[in-house]
Amino acid sequence: MTRSINSHRSPYLLPGWRAMWNSGRIPLLYGLLTLTAMAGGCQRGPTWDLAPVEGTVTKDGQPLTGIEVTFMPEIDAGAQGSPPAQGTTDKAGHYRLRNHNGDEGAVVGKYRVVLKRAGGQMLPELSQLLPEMAKRLEKQQKPAGDAPQLPASYERFDKTPLRVEVRSGEQIIDLEVK
């Protein structure tokens, strides 16, 4: 048994509905509701007290290049609960911190600084790769022979000897690896 559309029961075919649609009231209402929903979900900038931080990472007076510098908030300090800040050193060993939102700087507070070679994580197991790919990856991940090595303790939050305090205002925090 086929059913036909009954204009008396379908709300889309009622004369009052059609009049409201044609007058623009319904599209205006939908538009206002959409704008309200979008405005409520927008982020209105950083909610943290950020301070621009930059500096140089060196070992024995030589700049360290390609080092990922991460400021991790101290658990029992003012920066607790704040996002970590991160930067990577260039050829001169210079870094500039950004937080997870891409905003420049770090939240004011105390930090432990973790240093790692940029891209130092192994992607797949080398044994699972073709031999020529494994050799290429090993070469890329090895620092140059004359590049200073990072001690393993600097790569771990619980063992790093680097502690810093970020204060309000722009600052330069140079880091010396021993």
N, C-alpha and C. Protein backbone atom coordinates (compact mmCIF):
# COMPACT_ATOMS: atom_id res chain seq x y z
N MET A 1 0.84 -1.16 0.00
CA MET A 1 0.00 0.00 0.00
C MET A 1 0.89 1.24 0.00
N THR A 2 0.72 2.07 -0.96
CA THR A 2 1.51 3.28 -1.05
C THR A 2 0.82 4.40 -0.28
N ARG A 3 1.65 5.25 0.28
CA ARG A 3 1.10 6.36 1.05
C ARG A 3 1.38 7.65 0.31
N SER A 4 0.50 8.54 0.38
CA SER A 4 0.70 9.84 -0.23
C SER A 4 0.98 10.85 0.87
N ILE A 5 1.60 11.93 0.50
CA ILE A 5 1.90 12.97 1.47
C ILE A 5 0.61 13.69 1.81
N ASN A 6 0.34 13.74 3.07
CA ASN A 6 -0.86 14.40 3.54
C ASN A 6 -0.48 15.82 3.96
N SER A 7 -0.96 16.80 3.24
CA SER A 7 -0.58 18.18 3.51
C SER A 7 -1.10 18.68 4.85
N HIS A 8 -2.04 17.99 5.42
CA HIS A 8 -2.57 18.41 6.72
C HIS A 8 -1.67 17.95 7.86
N ARG A 9 -0.83 16.91 7.65
CA ARG A 9 0.00 16.38 8.72
C ARG A 9 1.47 16.73 8.55
N SER A 10 1.91 17.13 7.40
CA SER A 10 3.32 17.43 7.17
C SER A 10 3.62 18.87 7.58
N PRO A 11 4.52 19.09 8.53
CA PRO A 11 4.79 20.45 8.99
C PRO A 11 5.44 21.30 7.91
N TYR A 12 6.11 20.69 6.95
CA TYR A 12 6.78 21.46 5.91
C TYR A 12 5.80 22.01 4.87
N LEU A 13 4.61 21.46 4.86
CA LEU A 13 3.64 21.91 3.87
C LEU A 13 2.55 22.77 4.47
N LEU A 14 2.64 23.04 5.76
CA LEU A 14 1.64 23.89 6.38
C LEU A 14 1.83 25.33 5.90
N PRO A 15 0.77 26.02 5.65
CA PRO A 15 0.87 27.40 5.15
C PRO A 15 1.63 28.32 6.11
N GLY A 16 1.47 28.17 7.43
CA GLY A 16 2.16 29.03 8.39
C GLY A 16 3.67 28.83 8.35
N TRP A 17 4.11 27.59 8.22
CA TRP A 17 5.53 27.27 8.14
C TRP A 17 6.15 27.88 6.90
N ARG A 18 5.47 27.70 5.79
CA ARG A 18 5.96 28.24 4.52
C ARG A 18 6.06 29.76 4.60
N ALA A 19 5.10 30.41 5.23
CA ALA A 19 5.12 31.86 5.35
C ALA A 19 6.30 32.31 6.20
N MET A 20 6.58 31.58 7.29
CA MET A 20 7.73 31.95 8.12
C MET A 20 9.03 31.74 7.36
N TRP A 21 9.13 30.65 6.60
CA TRP A 21 10.34 30.38 5.81
C TRP A 21 10.55 31.46 4.77
N ASN A 22 9.50 31.79 4.06
CA ASN A 22 9.62 32.79 3.00
C ASN A 22 9.88 34.19 3.55
N SER A 23 9.42 34.47 4.76
CA SER A 23 9.65 35.80 5.32
C SER A 23 11.08 35.95 5.84
N GLY A 24 11.81 34.86 5.96
CA GLY A 24 13.20 34.92 6.39
C GLY A 24 13.41 34.74 7.88
N ARG A 25 12.35 34.50 8.63
CA ARG A 25 12.49 34.34 10.07
C ARG A 25 13.24 33.07 10.44
N ILE A 26 12.90 31.97 9.82
CA ILE A 26 13.55 30.69 10.13
C ILE A 26 15.02 30.70 9.72
N PRO A 27 15.37 31.13 8.48
CA PRO A 27 16.80 31.18 8.15
C PRO A 27 17.58 32.12 9.07
N LEU A 28 16.96 33.22 9.49
CA LEU A 28 17.62 34.15 10.40
C LEU A 28 17.86 33.47 11.74
N LEU A 29 16.88 32.73 12.24
CA LEU A 29 17.02 32.02 13.50
C LEU A 29 18.14 30.98 13.41
N TYR A 30 18.17 30.20 12.33
CA TYR A 30 19.24 29.21 12.14
C TYR A 30 20.60 29.88 12.06
N GLY A 31 20.67 30.98 11.36
CA GLY A 31 21.93 31.72 11.24
C GLY A 31 22.42 32.23 12.58
N LEU A 32 21.52 32.79 13.39
CA LEU A 32 21.91 33.28 14.71
C LEU A 32 22.35 32.14 15.63
N LEU A 33 21.65 31.01 15.58
CA LEU A 33 22.05 29.87 16.39
C LEU A 33 23.42 29.35 15.98
N THR A 34 23.69 29.32 14.68
CA THR A 34 24.99 28.86 14.19
C THR A 34 26.10 29.80 14.65
N LEU A 35 25.91 31.10 14.53
CA LEU A 35 26.91 32.07 14.97
C LEU A 35 27.16 31.97 16.47
N THR A 36 26.12 31.78 17.25
CA THR A 36 26.27 31.65 18.69
C THR A 36 27.09 30.42 19.04
N ALA A 37 26.82 29.31 18.37
CA ALA A 37 27.57 28.08 18.63
C ALA A 37 29.03 28.23 18.24
N MET A 38 29.29 28.87 17.11
CA MET A 38 30.68 29.04 16.67
C MET A 38 31.43 29.99 17.59
N ALA A 39 30.82 31.07 18.02
CA ALA A 39 31.49 32.04 18.88
C ALA A 39 31.79 31.44 20.25
N GLY A 40 30.94 30.58 20.73
CA GLY A 40 31.17 29.95 22.03
C GLY A 40 32.33 28.98 22.01
N GLY A 41 32.64 28.40 20.86
CA GLY A 41 33.72 27.43 20.77
C GLY A 41 35.06 28.02 20.38
N CYS A 42 35.12 29.28 20.08
CA CYS A 42 36.38 29.90 19.67
C CYS A 42 37.27 30.16 20.87
N GLN A 43 38.57 29.94 20.67
CA GLN A 43 39.51 30.25 21.72
C GLN A 43 39.86 31.73 21.64
N ARG A 44 39.91 32.36 22.76
CA ARG A 44 40.12 33.80 22.79
C ARG A 44 41.56 34.16 23.16
N GLY A 45 42.52 33.36 22.74
CA GLY A 45 43.92 33.65 23.03
C GLY A 45 44.39 32.87 24.24
N PRO A 46 45.68 32.98 24.55
CA PRO A 46 46.24 32.20 25.64
C PRO A 46 45.66 32.64 26.99
N THR A 47 45.39 31.66 27.83
CA THR A 47 44.88 31.96 29.16
C THR A 47 46.01 31.91 30.19
N TRP A 48 47.22 31.61 29.75
CA TRP A 48 48.38 31.52 30.62
C TRP A 48 49.15 32.84 30.57
N ASP A 49 49.94 33.08 31.61
CA ASP A 49 50.84 34.23 31.63
C ASP A 49 52.12 33.79 30.93
N LEU A 50 52.23 34.08 29.62
CA LEU A 50 53.37 33.64 28.83
C LEU A 50 54.49 34.67 28.84
N ALA A 51 55.72 34.17 28.87
CA ALA A 51 56.90 35.02 28.78
C ALA A 51 57.76 34.51 27.63
N PRO A 52 58.15 35.40 26.69
CA PRO A 52 59.02 34.97 25.59
C PRO A 52 60.36 34.48 26.13
N VAL A 53 60.79 33.28 25.69
CA VAL A 53 62.05 32.70 26.15
C VAL A 53 62.85 32.23 24.94
N GLU A 54 64.13 32.59 24.94
CA GLU A 54 65.05 32.09 23.93
C GLU A 54 66.41 31.91 24.59
N GLY A 55 67.32 31.25 23.90
CA GLY A 55 68.64 31.04 24.46
C GLY A 55 69.49 30.19 23.54
N THR A 56 70.62 29.76 24.07
CA THR A 56 71.57 28.96 23.32
C THR A 56 71.92 27.72 24.13
N VAL A 57 72.04 26.59 23.46
CA VAL A 57 72.46 25.34 24.10
C VAL A 57 73.89 25.06 23.66
N THR A 58 74.78 24.89 24.64
CA THR A 58 76.19 24.63 24.32
C THR A 58 76.73 23.48 25.16
N LYS A 59 77.83 22.90 24.68
CA LYS A 59 78.59 21.90 25.43
C LYS A 59 80.05 22.20 25.18
N ASP A 60 80.79 22.41 26.22
CA ASP A 60 82.21 22.78 26.13
C ASP A 60 82.40 24.00 25.25
N GLY A 61 81.48 24.94 25.32
CA GLY A 61 81.57 26.18 24.56
C GLY A 61 81.12 26.06 23.11
N GLN A 62 80.80 24.86 22.64
CA GLN A 62 80.34 24.65 21.26
C GLN A 62 78.82 24.62 21.22
N PRO A 63 78.22 25.30 20.24
CA PRO A 63 76.76 25.24 20.13
C PRO A 63 76.30 23.85 19.69
N LEU A 64 75.20 23.40 20.25
CA LEU A 64 74.61 22.12 19.87
C LEU A 64 73.49 22.37 18.87
N THR A 65 73.58 21.75 17.72
CA THR A 65 72.57 21.94 16.68
C THR A 65 71.61 20.75 16.65
N GLY A 66 70.38 21.03 16.22
CA GLY A 66 69.39 19.97 16.07
C GLY A 66 68.96 19.35 17.39
N ILE A 67 68.94 20.15 18.44
CA ILE A 67 68.52 19.66 19.76
C ILE A 67 67.11 20.16 20.04
N GLU A 68 66.25 19.25 20.44
CA GLU A 68 64.88 19.59 20.84
C GLU A 68 64.91 19.98 22.31
N VAL A 69 64.59 21.23 22.61
CA VAL A 69 64.60 21.76 23.97
C VAL A 69 63.15 21.79 24.47
N THR A 70 62.88 21.08 25.57
CA THR A 70 61.52 21.04 26.12
C THR A 70 61.55 21.48 27.57
N PHE A 71 60.79 22.53 27.87
CA PHE A 71 60.62 22.98 29.24
C PHE A 71 59.39 22.26 29.80
N MET A 72 59.61 21.35 30.76
CA MET A 72 58.54 20.58 31.38
C MET A 72 58.25 21.18 32.75
N PRO A 73 56.98 21.51 33.05
CA PRO A 73 56.66 22.13 34.33
C PRO A 73 57.04 21.25 35.51
N GLU A 74 57.62 21.88 36.55
CA GLU A 74 57.92 21.17 37.80
C GLU A 74 56.60 20.76 38.44
N ILE A 75 56.57 19.60 39.02
CA ILE A 75 55.34 19.08 39.60
C ILE A 75 54.92 19.90 40.83
N ASP A 76 55.88 20.30 41.66
CA ASP A 76 55.55 21.02 42.90
C ASP A 76 55.83 22.51 42.81
N ALA A 77 55.77 23.08 41.60
CA ALA A 77 56.12 24.50 41.46
C ALA A 77 54.97 25.27 40.81
N GLY A 78 55.20 26.55 40.59
CA GLY A 78 54.17 27.45 40.07
C GLY A 78 53.65 27.10 38.70
N ALA A 79 54.40 26.38 37.89
CA ALA A 79 53.97 26.07 36.53
C ALA A 79 53.17 24.78 36.45
N GLN A 80 52.84 24.17 37.60
CA GLN A 80 52.12 22.90 37.60
C GLN A 80 50.81 23.03 36.84
N GLY A 81 50.56 22.07 35.96
CA GLY A 81 49.34 22.08 35.17
C GLY A 81 49.44 22.90 33.91
N SER A 82 50.51 23.62 33.75
CA SER A 82 50.68 24.43 32.54
C SER A 82 51.26 23.58 31.43
N PRO A 83 51.09 23.99 30.18
CA PRO A 83 51.60 23.19 29.07
C PRO A 83 53.12 23.31 28.96
N PRO A 84 53.78 22.26 28.48
CA PRO A 84 55.22 22.37 28.24
C PRO A 84 55.49 23.32 27.07
N ALA A 85 56.70 23.83 27.01
CA ALA A 85 57.10 24.68 25.90
C ALA A 85 58.29 24.01 25.21
N GLN A 86 58.39 24.23 23.89
CA GLN A 86 59.37 23.48 23.13
C GLN A 86 59.99 24.34 22.04
N GLY A 87 61.23 24.04 21.70
CA GLY A 87 61.93 24.69 20.60
C GLY A 87 63.05 23.78 20.13
N THR A 88 63.60 24.07 18.95
CA THR A 88 64.69 23.29 18.39
C THR A 88 65.84 24.21 18.07
N THR A 89 67.06 23.78 18.39
CA THR A 89 68.23 24.62 18.15
C THR A 89 68.59 24.65 16.67
N ASP A 90 69.08 25.81 16.23
CA ASP A 90 69.55 25.96 14.86
C ASP A 90 71.06 25.71 14.82
N LYS A 91 71.72 26.08 13.73
CA LYS A 91 73.16 25.83 13.58
C LYS A 91 74.00 26.56 14.62
N ALA A 92 73.49 27.67 15.12
CA ALA A 92 74.22 28.43 16.14
C ALA A 92 73.86 27.98 17.55
N GLY A 93 73.03 26.93 17.69
CA GLY A 93 72.62 26.44 18.99
C GLY A 93 71.50 27.26 19.61
N HIS A 94 70.91 28.17 18.85
CA HIS A 94 69.88 29.07 19.35
C HIS A 94 68.51 28.40 19.28
N TYR A 95 67.71 28.59 20.32
CA TYR A 95 66.33 28.08 20.35
C TYR A 95 65.39 29.20 20.76
N ARG A 96 64.12 29.04 20.42
CA ARG A 96 63.04 29.94 20.84
C ARG A 96 61.85 29.05 21.19
N LEU A 97 61.27 29.26 22.37
CA LEU A 97 60.20 28.38 22.84
C LEU A 97 58.83 28.77 22.33
N ARG A 98 58.01 27.75 22.08
CA ARG A 98 56.59 27.90 21.75
C ARG A 98 55.84 26.85 22.56
N ASN A 99 54.58 27.18 22.90
CA ASN A 99 53.80 26.18 23.63
C ASN A 99 53.00 25.33 22.64
N HIS A 100 52.16 24.44 23.16
CA HIS A 100 51.42 23.49 22.31
C HIS A 100 50.43 24.18 21.37
N ASN A 101 50.01 25.41 21.68
CA ASN A 101 49.11 26.15 20.79
C ASN A 101 49.86 26.90 19.70
N GLY A 102 51.18 26.91 19.77
CA GLY A 102 51.97 27.66 18.80
C GLY A 102 52.25 29.08 19.26
N ASP A 103 51.76 29.44 20.47
CA ASP A 103 52.04 30.77 21.00
C ASP A 103 53.49 30.83 21.46
N GLU A 104 54.12 31.96 21.22
CA GLU A 104 55.52 32.11 21.58
C GLU A 104 55.68 32.30 23.08
N GLY A 105 56.60 31.54 23.66
CA GLY A 105 56.92 31.69 25.07
C GLY A 105 56.56 30.48 25.90
N ALA A 106 56.85 30.62 27.21
CA ALA A 106 56.54 29.59 28.19
C ALA A 106 55.76 30.24 29.32
N VAL A 107 54.97 29.45 30.02
CA VAL A 107 54.20 29.94 31.15
C VAL A 107 55.17 30.26 32.29
N VAL A 108 54.91 31.35 32.98
CA VAL A 108 55.75 31.75 34.11
C VAL A 108 55.71 30.65 35.17
N GLY A 109 56.90 30.20 35.62
CA GLY A 109 56.99 29.15 36.63
C GLY A 109 58.32 28.44 36.57
N LYS A 110 58.44 27.34 37.32
CA LYS A 110 59.68 26.56 37.39
C LYS A 110 59.58 25.33 36.49
N TYR A 111 60.72 25.00 35.86
CA TYR A 111 60.75 23.92 34.87
C TYR A 111 61.98 23.03 35.02
N ARG A 112 61.83 21.82 34.53
CA ARG A 112 62.96 20.93 34.24
C ARG A 112 63.12 20.97 32.74
N VAL A 113 64.36 21.04 32.28
CA VAL A 113 64.61 21.13 30.84
C VAL A 113 65.12 19.78 30.34
N VAL A 114 64.40 19.25 29.34
CA VAL A 114 64.76 17.98 28.73
C VAL A 114 65.33 18.28 27.35
N LEU A 115 66.48 17.68 27.04
CA LEU A 115 67.13 17.87 25.74
C LEU A 115 67.20 16.54 25.01
N LYS A 116 66.83 16.55 23.72
CA LYS A 116 66.92 15.35 22.88
C LYS A 116 67.38 15.76 21.49
N ARG A 117 68.03 14.87 20.82
CA ARG A 117 68.35 15.11 19.41
C ARG A 117 67.03 15.16 18.66
N ALA A 118 66.82 16.19 17.84
CA ALA A 118 65.59 16.32 17.06
C ALA A 118 65.47 15.11 16.14
N GLY A 119 64.30 14.50 16.13
CA GLY A 119 64.08 13.33 15.27
C GLY A 119 64.80 12.10 15.79
N GLY A 120 65.16 12.07 17.04
CA GLY A 120 65.93 10.98 17.61
C GLY A 120 65.14 9.70 17.82
N GLN A 121 63.83 9.76 17.78
CA GLN A 121 63.06 8.55 18.00
C GLN A 121 63.18 7.64 16.78
N MET A 122 63.29 6.35 17.05
CA MET A 122 63.33 5.39 15.96
C MET A 122 61.90 5.21 15.46
N LEU A 123 61.72 5.28 14.17
CA LEU A 123 60.38 5.11 13.64
C LEU A 123 59.98 3.63 13.69
N PRO A 124 60.28 2.84 12.69
CA PRO A 124 60.01 1.41 12.82
C PRO A 124 61.26 0.71 13.33
N GLU A 125 61.13 -0.55 13.71
CA GLU A 125 62.28 -1.35 14.09
C GLU A 125 63.20 -1.48 12.88
N LEU A 126 64.50 -1.26 13.09
CA LEU A 126 65.43 -1.34 11.96
C LEU A 126 65.47 -2.74 11.35
N SER A 127 65.25 -3.74 12.17
CA SER A 127 65.29 -5.10 11.65
C SER A 127 64.15 -5.39 10.69
N GLN A 128 63.09 -4.60 10.75
CA GLN A 128 61.95 -4.82 9.87
C GLN A 128 62.08 -4.08 8.54
N LEU A 129 63.10 -3.25 8.40
CA LEU A 129 63.28 -2.48 7.17
C LEU A 129 64.19 -3.21 6.20
N LEU A 130 64.15 -2.75 4.98
CA LEU A 130 65.11 -3.26 4.01
C LEU A 130 66.51 -2.84 4.47
N PRO A 131 67.53 -3.64 4.22
CA PRO A 131 68.87 -3.33 4.73
C PRO A 131 69.39 -1.95 4.30
N GLU A 132 69.13 -1.56 3.05
CA GLU A 132 69.65 -0.25 2.61
C GLU A 132 68.90 0.90 3.30
N MET A 133 67.62 0.72 3.58
CA MET A 133 66.87 1.75 4.30
C MET A 133 67.36 1.85 5.74
N ALA A 134 67.64 0.71 6.36
CA ALA A 134 68.12 0.70 7.74
C ALA A 134 69.45 1.44 7.85
N LYS A 135 70.35 1.23 6.89
CA LYS A 135 71.66 1.91 6.92
C LYS A 135 71.48 3.41 6.76
N ARG A 136 70.59 3.81 5.86
CA ARG A 136 70.34 5.24 5.65
C ARG A 136 69.78 5.89 6.91
N LEU A 137 68.82 5.22 7.56
CA LEU A 137 68.24 5.75 8.79
C LEU A 137 69.28 5.86 9.90
N GLU A 138 70.14 4.84 10.03
CA GLU A 138 71.18 4.88 11.05
C GLU A 138 72.12 6.06 10.83
N LYS A 139 72.48 6.31 9.56
CA LYS A 139 73.36 7.45 9.24
C LYS A 139 72.70 8.76 9.59
N GLN A 140 71.39 8.90 9.27
CA GLN A 140 70.68 10.14 9.55
C GLN A 140 70.56 10.38 11.06
N GLN A 141 70.42 9.32 11.83
CA GLN A 141 70.19 9.49 13.25
C GLN A 141 71.48 9.63 14.04
N LYS A 142 72.61 9.28 13.47
CA LYS A 142 73.88 9.46 14.15
C LYS A 142 74.30 10.91 14.03
N PRO A 143 74.68 11.53 15.14
CA PRO A 143 75.21 12.88 15.02
C PRO A 143 76.56 12.83 14.32
N ALA A 144 76.95 13.94 13.73
CA ALA A 144 78.23 14.00 13.04
C ALA A 144 79.34 13.67 14.03
N GLY A 145 80.45 13.11 13.54
CA GLY A 145 81.54 12.68 14.39
C GLY A 145 82.08 13.80 15.27
N ASP A 146 82.10 15.02 14.77
CA ASP A 146 82.64 16.13 15.56
C ASP A 146 81.59 16.80 16.42
N ALA A 147 80.32 16.39 16.28
CA ALA A 147 79.25 17.00 17.08
C ALA A 147 79.31 16.47 18.50
N PRO A 148 79.21 17.35 19.49
CA PRO A 148 79.22 16.89 20.88
C PRO A 148 78.02 15.98 21.17
N GLN A 149 78.25 14.97 22.00
CA GLN A 149 77.19 14.02 22.35
C GLN A 149 76.41 14.54 23.55
N LEU A 150 75.13 14.19 23.60
CA LEU A 150 74.28 14.53 24.74
C LEU A 150 74.32 13.38 25.74
N PRO A 151 74.61 13.65 27.00
CA PRO A 151 74.51 12.59 28.00
C PRO A 151 73.05 12.13 28.13
N ALA A 152 72.85 10.86 28.38
CA ALA A 152 71.51 10.27 28.43
C ALA A 152 70.64 10.90 29.52
N SER A 153 71.24 11.38 30.59
CA SER A 153 70.45 11.94 31.70
C SER A 153 69.66 13.18 31.27
N TYR A 154 70.12 13.90 30.26
CA TYR A 154 69.43 15.11 29.81
C TYR A 154 68.14 14.80 29.05
N GLU A 155 67.97 13.54 28.64
CA GLU A 155 66.80 13.15 27.86
C GLU A 155 65.63 12.69 28.72
N ARG A 156 65.83 12.63 30.04
CA ARG A 156 64.77 12.12 30.91
C ARG A 156 64.35 13.17 31.91
N PHE A 157 63.04 13.32 32.08
CA PHE A 157 62.47 14.31 32.99
C PHE A 157 62.97 14.10 34.42
N ASP A 158 63.02 12.85 34.87
CA ASP A 158 63.39 12.57 36.26
C ASP A 158 64.89 12.62 36.53
N LYS A 159 65.72 12.69 35.48
CA LYS A 159 67.17 12.67 35.67
C LYS A 159 67.87 13.94 35.18
N THR A 160 67.20 14.79 34.42
CA THR A 160 67.87 15.96 33.87
C THR A 160 68.36 16.90 34.98
N PRO A 161 69.60 17.37 34.87
CA PRO A 161 70.12 18.29 35.88
C PRO A 161 69.71 19.75 35.62
N LEU A 162 69.09 20.01 34.49
CA LEU A 162 68.75 21.38 34.12
C LEU A 162 67.44 21.81 34.76
N ARG A 163 67.51 22.85 35.58
CA ARG A 163 66.34 23.44 36.21
C ARG A 163 66.37 24.94 35.92
N VAL A 164 65.23 25.49 35.53
CA VAL A 164 65.16 26.93 35.23
C VAL A 164 63.87 27.50 35.78
N GLU A 165 63.86 28.81 35.93
CA GLU A 165 62.65 29.51 36.33
C GLU A 165 62.35 30.56 35.28
N VAL A 166 61.14 30.52 34.73
CA VAL A 166 60.70 31.51 33.76
C VAL A 166 59.95 32.60 34.54
N ARG A 167 60.41 33.83 34.36
CA ARG A 167 59.77 34.98 35.03
C ARG A 167 59.04 35.81 33.99
N SER A 168 58.23 36.73 34.45
CA SER A 168 57.51 37.62 33.53
C SER A 168 58.50 38.44 32.73
N GLY A 169 58.13 38.72 31.49
CA GLY A 169 58.98 39.53 30.62
C GLY A 169 59.88 38.69 29.75
N GLU A 170 60.42 39.32 28.74
CA GLU A 170 61.30 38.64 27.79
C GLU A 170 62.61 38.24 28.47
N GLN A 171 63.11 37.04 28.16
CA GLN A 171 64.35 36.61 28.78
C GLN A 171 65.15 35.64 27.93
N ILE A 172 66.43 35.61 28.21
CA ILE A 172 67.35 34.70 27.53
C ILE A 172 67.83 33.69 28.57
N ILE A 173 67.60 32.41 28.30
CA ILE A 173 68.03 31.34 29.20
C ILE A 173 68.99 30.44 28.41
N ASP A 174 70.29 30.63 28.65
CA ASP A 174 71.30 29.80 28.01
C ASP A 174 71.49 28.52 28.81
N LEU A 175 71.66 27.41 28.11
CA LEU A 175 71.80 26.10 28.75
C LEU A 175 73.15 25.50 28.41
N GLU A 176 73.89 25.06 29.43
CA GLU A 176 75.20 24.43 29.25
C GLU A 176 75.09 22.96 29.61
N VAL A 177 75.43 22.10 28.64
CA VAL A 177 75.42 20.66 28.86
C VAL A 177 76.81 20.27 29.37
N LYS A 178 76.87 19.47 30.43
CA LYS A 178 78.16 19.08 31.03
C LYS A 178 78.50 17.64 30.74
